[in-house]
Amino acid sequence: MSDVARRVRKHRQKMKEAGLKPVTIWVPDTRSPQYRERIRRECEIINASADSWIVLDGMLELADFSDWKA
């Protein structure tokens, strides 16, 4: 077994002992042309809806920006 494999095994064992387990999460590839096209289409749909401004205004009323730095 290589040194790297031993270190990885040791790290994984340490994490397991801490009560953690590895999880694989699949997320969209934001660099993909298909993803960009999908976002573009969805933005067009949202922007074409008269109700989108009502929803956005409601979200902004609920948002807490107090700890944001300019």
PDB file of N, CA and C in Angstrom:
ATOM      1  N   MET A   1       0.854  -1.180   0.000  1.00  0.00           N
ATOM      2  CA  MET A   1       0.000   0.000   0.000  1.00  0.00           C
ATOM      3  C   MET A   1       0.900   1.243   0.000  1.00  0.00           C
ATOM      4  N   SER A   2       0.576   2.209  -0.850  1.00  0.00           N
ATOM      5  CA  SER A   2       1.384   3.416  -0.954  1.00  0.00           C
ATOM      6  C   SER A   2       1.190   4.318   0.262  1.00  0.00           C
ATOM      7  N   ASP A   3       2.098   5.248   0.418  1.00  0.00           N
ATOM      8  CA  ASP A   3       2.027   6.201   1.531  1.00  0.00           C
ATOM      9  C   ASP A   3       0.749   7.036   1.441  1.00  0.00           C
ATOM     10  N   VAL A   4       0.399   7.436   0.229  1.00  0.00           N
ATOM     11  CA  VAL A   4      -0.818   8.234   0.034  1.00  0.00           C
ATOM     12  C   VAL A   4      -2.048   7.437   0.452  1.00  0.00           C
ATOM     13  N   ALA A   5      -2.115   6.186   0.035  1.00  0.00           N
ATOM     14  CA  ALA A   5      -3.262   5.339   0.388  1.00  0.00           C
ATOM     15  C   ALA A   5      -3.360   5.171   1.904  1.00  0.00           C
ATOM     16  N   ARG A   6      -2.215   5.043   2.570  1.00  0.00           N
ATOM     17  CA  ARG A   6      -2.222   4.912   4.033  1.00  0.00           C
ATOM     18  C   ARG A   6      -2.743   6.187   4.699  1.00  0.00           C
ATOM     19  N   ARG A   7      -2.294   7.327   4.183  1.00  0.00           N
ATOM     20  CA  ARG A   7      -2.756   8.602   4.755  1.00  0.00           C
ATOM     21  C   ARG A   7      -4.254   8.794   4.531  1.00  0.00           C
ATOM     22  N   VAL A   8      -4.728   8.451   3.355  1.00  0.00           N
ATOM     23  CA  VAL A   8      -6.153   8.571   3.062  1.00  0.00           C
ATOM     24  C   VAL A   8      -6.954   7.651   3.977  1.00  0.00           C
ATOM     25  N   ARG A   9      -6.504   6.419   4.130  1.00  0.00           N
ATOM     26  CA  ARG A   9      -7.191   5.459   4.999  1.00  0.00           C
ATOM     27  C   ARG A   9      -7.212   5.967   6.443  1.00  0.00           C
ATOM     28  N   LYS A  10      -6.077   6.510   6.908  1.00  0.00           N
ATOM     29  CA  LYS A  10      -5.987   7.035   8.274  1.00  0.00           C
ATOM     30  C   LYS A  10      -6.948   8.217   8.456  1.00  0.00           C
ATOM     31  N   HIS A  11      -6.968   9.098   7.461  1.00  0.00           N
ATOM     32  CA  HIS A  11      -7.868  10.262   7.532  1.00  0.00           C
ATOM     33  C   HIS A  11      -9.332   9.821   7.565  1.00  0.00           C
ATOM     34  N   ARG A  12      -9.683   8.886   6.691  1.00  0.00           N
ATOM     35  CA  ARG A  12     -11.065   8.393   6.654  1.00  0.00           C
ATOM     36  C   ARG A  12     -11.457   7.717   7.963  1.00  0.00           C
ATOM     37  N   GLN A  13     -10.537   6.962   8.537  1.00  0.00           N
ATOM     38  CA  GLN A  13     -10.810   6.299   9.810  1.00  0.00           C
ATOM     39  C   GLN A  13     -11.023   7.341  10.915  1.00  0.00           C
ATOM     40  N   LYS A  14     -10.204   8.381  10.909  1.00  0.00           N
ATOM     41  CA  LYS A  14     -10.324   9.451  11.903  1.00  0.00           C
ATOM     42  C   LYS A  14     -11.684  10.147  11.776  1.00  0.00           C
ATOM     43  N   MET A  15     -12.087  10.413  10.551  1.00  0.00           N
ATOM     44  CA  MET A  15     -13.386  11.059  10.326  1.00  0.00           C
ATOM     45  C   MET A  15     -14.525  10.145  10.763  1.00  0.00           C
ATOM     46  N   LYS A  16     -14.415   8.857  10.478  1.00  0.00           N
ATOM     47  CA  LYS A  16     -15.432   7.884  10.871  1.00  0.00           C
ATOM     48  C   LYS A  16     -15.539   7.821  12.396  1.00  0.00           C
ATOM     49  N   GLU A  17     -14.391   7.831  13.067  1.00  0.00           N
ATOM     50  CA  GLU A  17     -14.392   7.810  14.528  1.00  0.00           C
ATOM     51  C   GLU A  17     -15.037   9.067  15.112  1.00  0.00           C
ATOM     52  N   ALA A  18     -14.987  10.155  14.363  1.00  0.00           N
ATOM     53  CA  ALA A  18     -15.614  11.403  14.795  1.00  0.00           C
ATOM     54  C   ALA A  18     -17.117  11.401  14.518  1.00  0.00           C
ATOM     55  N   GLY A  19     -17.629  10.281  13.986  1.00  0.00           N
ATOM     56  CA  GLY A  19     -19.062  10.172  13.719  1.00  0.00           C
ATOM     57  C   GLY A  19     -19.483  10.687  12.360  1.00  0.00           C
ATOM     58  N   LEU A  20     -18.535  10.861  11.471  1.00  0.00           N
ATOM     59  CA  LEU A  20     -18.839  11.369  10.138  1.00  0.00           C
ATOM     60  C   LEU A  20     -18.761  10.256   9.113  1.00  0.00           C
ATOM     61  N   LYS A  21     -19.435  10.457   7.999  1.00  0.00           N
ATOM     62  CA  LYS A  21     -19.354   9.486   6.909  1.00  0.00           C
ATOM     63  C   LYS A  21     -19.249  10.240   5.593  1.00  0.00           C
ATOM     64  N   PRO A  22     -18.573   9.651   4.624  1.00  0.00           N
ATOM     65  CA  PRO A  22     -18.446  10.341   3.334  1.00  0.00           C
ATOM     66  C   PRO A  22     -19.758  10.292   2.555  1.00  0.00           C
ATOM     67  N   VAL A  23     -20.025  11.374   1.849  1.00  0.00           N
ATOM     68  CA  VAL A  23     -21.233  11.462   1.040  1.00  0.00           C
ATOM     69  C   VAL A  23     -20.843  12.055  -0.313  1.00  0.00           C
ATOM     70  N   THR A  24     -21.325  11.458  -1.384  1.00  0.00           N
ATOM     71  CA  THR A  24     -21.100  11.997  -2.717  1.00  0.00           C
ATOM     72  C   THR A  24     -22.321  12.806  -3.114  1.00  0.00           C
ATOM     73  N   ILE A  25     -22.095  14.038  -3.525  1.00  0.00           N
ATOM     74  CA  ILE A  25     -23.191  14.918  -3.940  1.00  0.00           C
ATOM     75  C   ILE A  25     -22.958  15.307  -5.392  1.00  0.00           C
ATOM     76  N   TRP A  26     -23.935  15.015  -6.225  1.00  0.00           N
ATOM     77  CA  TRP A  26     -23.853  15.385  -7.627  1.00  0.00           C
ATOM     78  C   TRP A  26     -24.553  16.723  -7.816  1.00  0.00           C
ATOM     79  N   VAL A  27     -23.866  17.656  -8.428  1.00  0.00           N
ATOM     80  CA  VAL A  27     -24.418  18.983  -8.675  1.00  0.00           C
ATOM     81  C   VAL A  27     -24.320  19.290 -10.165  1.00  0.00           C
ATOM     82  N   PRO A  28     -25.131  20.218 -10.652  1.00  0.00           N
ATOM     83  CA  PRO A  28     -25.053  20.559 -12.074  1.00  0.00           C
ATOM     84  C   PRO A  28     -23.673  21.110 -12.432  1.00  0.00           C
ATOM     85  N   ASP A  29     -23.227  20.792 -13.639  1.00  0.00           N
ATOM     86  CA  ASP A  29     -21.973  21.330 -14.146  1.00  0.00           C
ATOM     87  C   ASP A  29     -22.264  22.712 -14.714  1.00  0.00           C
ATOM     88  N   THR A  30     -21.927  23.743 -13.955  1.00  0.00           N
ATOM     89  CA  THR A  30     -22.263  25.113 -14.356  1.00  0.00           C
ATOM     90  C   THR A  30     -21.480  25.578 -15.574  1.00  0.00           C
ATOM     91  N   ARG A  31     -20.477  24.818 -15.998  1.00  0.00           N
ATOM     92  CA  ARG A  31     -19.711  25.166 -17.196  1.00  0.00           C
ATOM     93  C   ARG A  31     -20.296  24.538 -18.449  1.00  0.00           C
ATOM     94  N   SER A  32     -21.287  23.684 -18.275  1.00  0.00           N
ATOM     95  CA  SER A  32     -21.891  22.973 -19.389  1.00  0.00           C
ATOM     96  C   SER A  32     -22.777  23.903 -20.234  1.00  0.00           C
ATOM     97  N   PRO A  33     -22.668  23.819 -21.563  1.00  0.00           N
ATOM     98  CA  PRO A  33     -23.558  24.626 -22.420  1.00  0.00           C
ATOM     99  C   PRO A  33     -25.039  24.312 -22.174  1.00  0.00           C
ATOM    100  N   GLN A  34     -25.359  23.055 -21.888  1.00  0.00           N
ATOM    101  CA  GLN A  34     -26.749  22.683 -21.618  1.00  0.00           C
ATOM    102  C   GLN A  34     -27.259  23.368 -20.346  1.00  0.00           C
ATOM    103  N   TYR A  35     -26.408  23.452 -19.339  1.00  0.00           N
ATOM    104  CA  TYR A  35     -26.797  24.110 -18.089  1.00  0.00           C
ATOM    105  C   TYR A  35     -27.046  25.597 -18.341  1.00  0.00           C
ATOM    106  N   ARG A  36     -26.140  26.216 -19.056  1.00  0.00           N
ATOM    107  CA  ARG A  36     -26.292  27.648 -19.340  1.00  0.00           C
ATOM    108  C   ARG A  36     -27.564  27.924 -20.141  1.00  0.00           C
ATOM    109  N   GLU A  37     -27.871  27.049 -21.089  1.00  0.00           N
ATOM    110  CA  GLU A  37     -29.087  27.221 -21.887  1.00  0.00           C
ATOM    111  C   GLU A  37     -30.325  27.071 -21.007  1.00  0.00           C
ATOM    112  N   ARG A  38     -30.298  26.105 -20.121  1.00  0.00           N
ATOM    113  CA  ARG A  38     -31.431  25.899 -19.214  1.00  0.00           C
ATOM    114  C   ARG A  38     -31.638  27.131 -18.325  1.00  0.00           C
ATOM    115  N   ILE A  39     -30.573  27.673 -17.776  1.00  0.00           N
ATOM    116  CA  ILE A  39     -30.669  28.868 -16.936  1.00  0.00           C
ATOM    117  C   ILE A  39     -31.197  30.046 -17.741  1.00  0.00           C
ATOM    118  N   ARG A  40     -30.700  30.193 -18.976  1.00  0.00           N
ATOM    119  CA  ARG A  40     -31.170  31.282 -19.828  1.00  0.00           C
ATOM    120  C   ARG A  40     -32.671  31.194 -20.064  1.00  0.00           C
ATOM    121  N   ARG A  41     -33.149  29.964 -20.390  1.00  0.00           N
ATOM    122  CA  ARG A  41     -34.585  29.762 -20.631  1.00  0.00           C
ATOM    123  C   ARG A  41     -35.399  30.060 -19.376  1.00  0.00           C
ATOM    124  N   GLU A  42     -34.934  29.570 -18.229  1.00  0.00           N
ATOM    125  CA  GLU A  42     -35.675  29.790 -16.989  1.00  0.00           C
ATOM    126  C   GLU A  42     -35.702  31.269 -16.609  1.00  0.00           C
ATOM    127  N   CYS A  43     -34.622  31.982 -16.862  1.00  0.00           N
ATOM    128  CA  CYS A  43     -34.604  33.423 -16.586  1.00  0.00           C
ATOM    129  C   CYS A  43     -35.591  34.157 -17.498  1.00  0.00           C
ATOM    130  N   GLU A  44     -35.661  33.745 -18.755  1.00  0.00           N
ATOM    131  CA  GLU A  44     -36.631  34.354 -19.669  1.00  0.00           C
ATOM    132  C   GLU A  44     -38.057  34.145 -19.173  1.00  0.00           C
ATOM    133  N   ILE A  45     -38.352  32.941 -18.711  1.00  0.00           N
ATOM    134  CA  ILE A  45     -39.689  32.638 -18.198  1.00  0.00           C
ATOM    135  C   ILE A  45     -39.995  33.505 -16.985  1.00  0.00           C
ATOM    136  N   ILE A  46     -39.039  33.600 -16.075  1.00  0.00           N
ATOM    137  CA  ILE A  46     -39.239  34.405 -14.867  1.00  0.00           C
ATOM    138  C   ILE A  46     -39.415  35.871 -15.235  1.00  0.00           C
ATOM    139  N   ASN A  47     -38.559  36.382 -16.121  1.00  0.00           N
ATOM    140  CA  ASN A  47     -38.634  37.794 -16.493  1.00  0.00           C
ATOM    141  C   ASN A  47     -39.908  38.131 -17.255  1.00  0.00           C
ATOM    142  N   ALA A  48     -40.484  37.154 -17.940  1.00  0.00           N
ATOM    143  CA  ALA A  48     -41.713  37.395 -18.707  1.00  0.00           C
ATOM    144  C   ALA A  48     -42.952  37.387 -17.814  1.00  0.00           C
ATOM    145  N   SER A  49     -42.822  36.904 -16.595  1.00  0.00           N
ATOM    146  CA  SER A  49     -43.971  36.797 -15.704  1.00  0.00           C
ATOM    147  C   SER A  49     -44.161  38.089 -14.909  1.00  0.00           C
ATOM    148  N   ALA A  50     -45.384  38.615 -14.951  1.00  0.00           N
ATOM    149  CA  ALA A  50     -45.698  39.815 -14.168  1.00  0.00           C
ATOM    150  C   ALA A  50     -45.591  39.532 -12.676  1.00  0.00           C
ATOM    151  N   ASP A  51     -45.848  38.307 -12.290  1.00  0.00           N
ATOM    152  CA  ASP A  51     -45.810  37.949 -10.872  1.00  0.00           C
ATOM    153  C   ASP A  51     -44.395  37.840 -10.310  1.00  0.00           C
ATOM    154  N   SER A  52     -43.397  37.750 -11.173  1.00  0.00           N
ATOM    155  CA  SER A  52     -42.035  37.569 -10.680  1.00  0.00           C
ATOM    156  C   SER A  52     -41.601  38.744  -9.811  1.00  0.00           C
ATOM    157  N   TRP A  53     -42.035  39.960 -10.146  1.00  0.00           N
ATOM    158  CA  TRP A  53     -41.667  41.131  -9.341  1.00  0.00           C
ATOM    159  C   TRP A  53     -42.341  41.090  -7.979  1.00  0.00           C
ATOM    160  N   ILE A  54     -43.543  40.567  -7.922  1.00  0.00           N
ATOM    161  CA  ILE A  54     -44.241  40.431  -6.638  1.00  0.00           C
ATOM    162  C   ILE A  54     -43.473  39.476  -5.736  1.00  0.00           C
ATOM    163  N   VAL A  55     -43.054  38.359  -6.297  1.00  0.00           N
ATOM    164  CA  VAL A  55     -42.294  37.369  -5.531  1.00  0.00           C
ATOM    165  C   VAL A  55     -40.956  37.957  -5.098  1.00  0.00           C
ATOM    166  N   LEU A  56     -40.244  38.619  -6.016  1.00  0.00           N
ATOM    167  CA  LEU A  56     -38.953  39.210  -5.685  1.00  0.00           C
ATOM    168  C   LEU A  56     -39.088  40.258  -4.586  1.00  0.00           C
ATOM    169  N   ASP A  57     -40.085  41.106  -4.686  1.00  0.00           N
ATOM    170  CA  ASP A  57     -40.304  42.122  -3.648  1.00  0.00           C
ATOM    171  C   ASP A  57     -40.567  41.472  -2.298  1.00  0.00           C
ATOM    172  N   GLY A  58     -41.371  40.407  -2.292  1.00  0.00           N
ATOM    173  CA  GLY A  58     -41.648  39.699  -1.040  1.00  0.00           C
ATOM    174  C   GLY A  58     -40.397  39.078  -0.451  1.00  0.00           C
ATOM    175  N   MET A  59     -39.562  38.502  -1.296  1.00  0.00           N
ATOM    176  CA  MET A  59     -38.315  37.894  -0.817  1.00  0.00           C
ATOM    177  C   MET A  59     -37.384  38.962  -0.254  1.00  0.00           C
ATOM    178  N   LEU A  60     -37.304  40.114  -0.920  1.00  0.00           N
ATOM    179  CA  LEU A  60     -36.435  41.182  -0.439  1.00  0.00           C
ATOM    180  C   LEU A  60     -36.921  41.755   0.886  1.00  0.00           C
ATOM    181  N   GLU A  61     -38.222  41.781   1.098  1.00  0.00           N
ATOM    182  CA  GLU A  61     -38.765  42.240   2.384  1.00  0.00           C
ATOM    183  C   GLU A  61     -38.360  41.313   3.517  1.00  0.00           C
ATOM    184  N   LEU A  62     -38.284  40.021   3.231  1.00  0.00           N
ATOM    185  CA  LEU A  62     -37.935  39.036   4.255  1.00  0.00           C
ATOM    186  C   LEU A  62     -36.439  38.866   4.455  1.00  0.00           C
ATOM    187  N   ALA A  63     -35.659  39.293   3.489  1.00  0.00           N
ATOM    188  CA  ALA A  63     -34.210  39.081   3.540  1.00  0.00           C
ATOM    189  C   ALA A  63     -33.577  39.936   4.624  1.00  0.00           C
ATOM    190  N   ASP A  64     -32.533  39.396   5.224  1.00  0.00           N
ATOM    191  CA  ASP A  64     -31.784  40.118   6.251  1.00  0.00           C
ATOM    192  C   ASP A  64     -30.400  40.416   5.701  1.00  0.00           C
ATOM    193  N   PHE A  65     -30.168  41.668   5.358  1.00  0.00           N
ATOM    194  CA  PHE A  65     -28.893  42.087   4.799  1.00  0.00           C
ATOM    195  C   PHE A  65     -28.054  42.835   5.833  1.00  0.00           C
ATOM    196  N   SER A  66     -28.433  42.763   7.089  1.00  0.00           N
ATOM    197  CA  SER A  66     -27.786  43.567   8.121  1.00  0.00           C
ATOM    198  C   SER A  66     -26.298  43.286   8.294  1.00  0.00           C
ATOM    199  N   ASP A  67     -25.860  42.069   8.010  1.00  0.00           N
ATOM    200  CA  ASP A  67     -24.445  41.767   8.208  1.00  0.00           C
ATOM    201  C   ASP A  67     -23.629  41.807   6.907  1.00  0.00           C
ATOM    202  N   TRP A  68     -24.232  42.312   5.835  1.00  0.00           N
ATOM    203  CA  TRP A  68     -23.513  42.428   4.569  1.00  0.00           C
ATOM    204  C   TRP A  68     -22.588  43.633   4.622  1.00  0.00           C
ATOM    205  N   LYS A  69     -21.437  43.508   4.012  1.00  0.00           N
ATOM    206  CA  LYS A  69     -20.495  44.604   3.942  1.00  0.00           C
ATOM    207  C   LYS A  69     -20.445  45.131   2.515  1.00  0.00           C
ATOM    208  N   ALA A  70     -20.491  46.436   2.381  1.00  0.00           N
ATOM    209  CA  ALA A  70     -20.460  47.046   1.045  1.00  0.00           C
ATOM    210  C   ALA A  70     -19.045  47.226   0.562  1.00  0.00           C
TER     211      ALA A  70
END
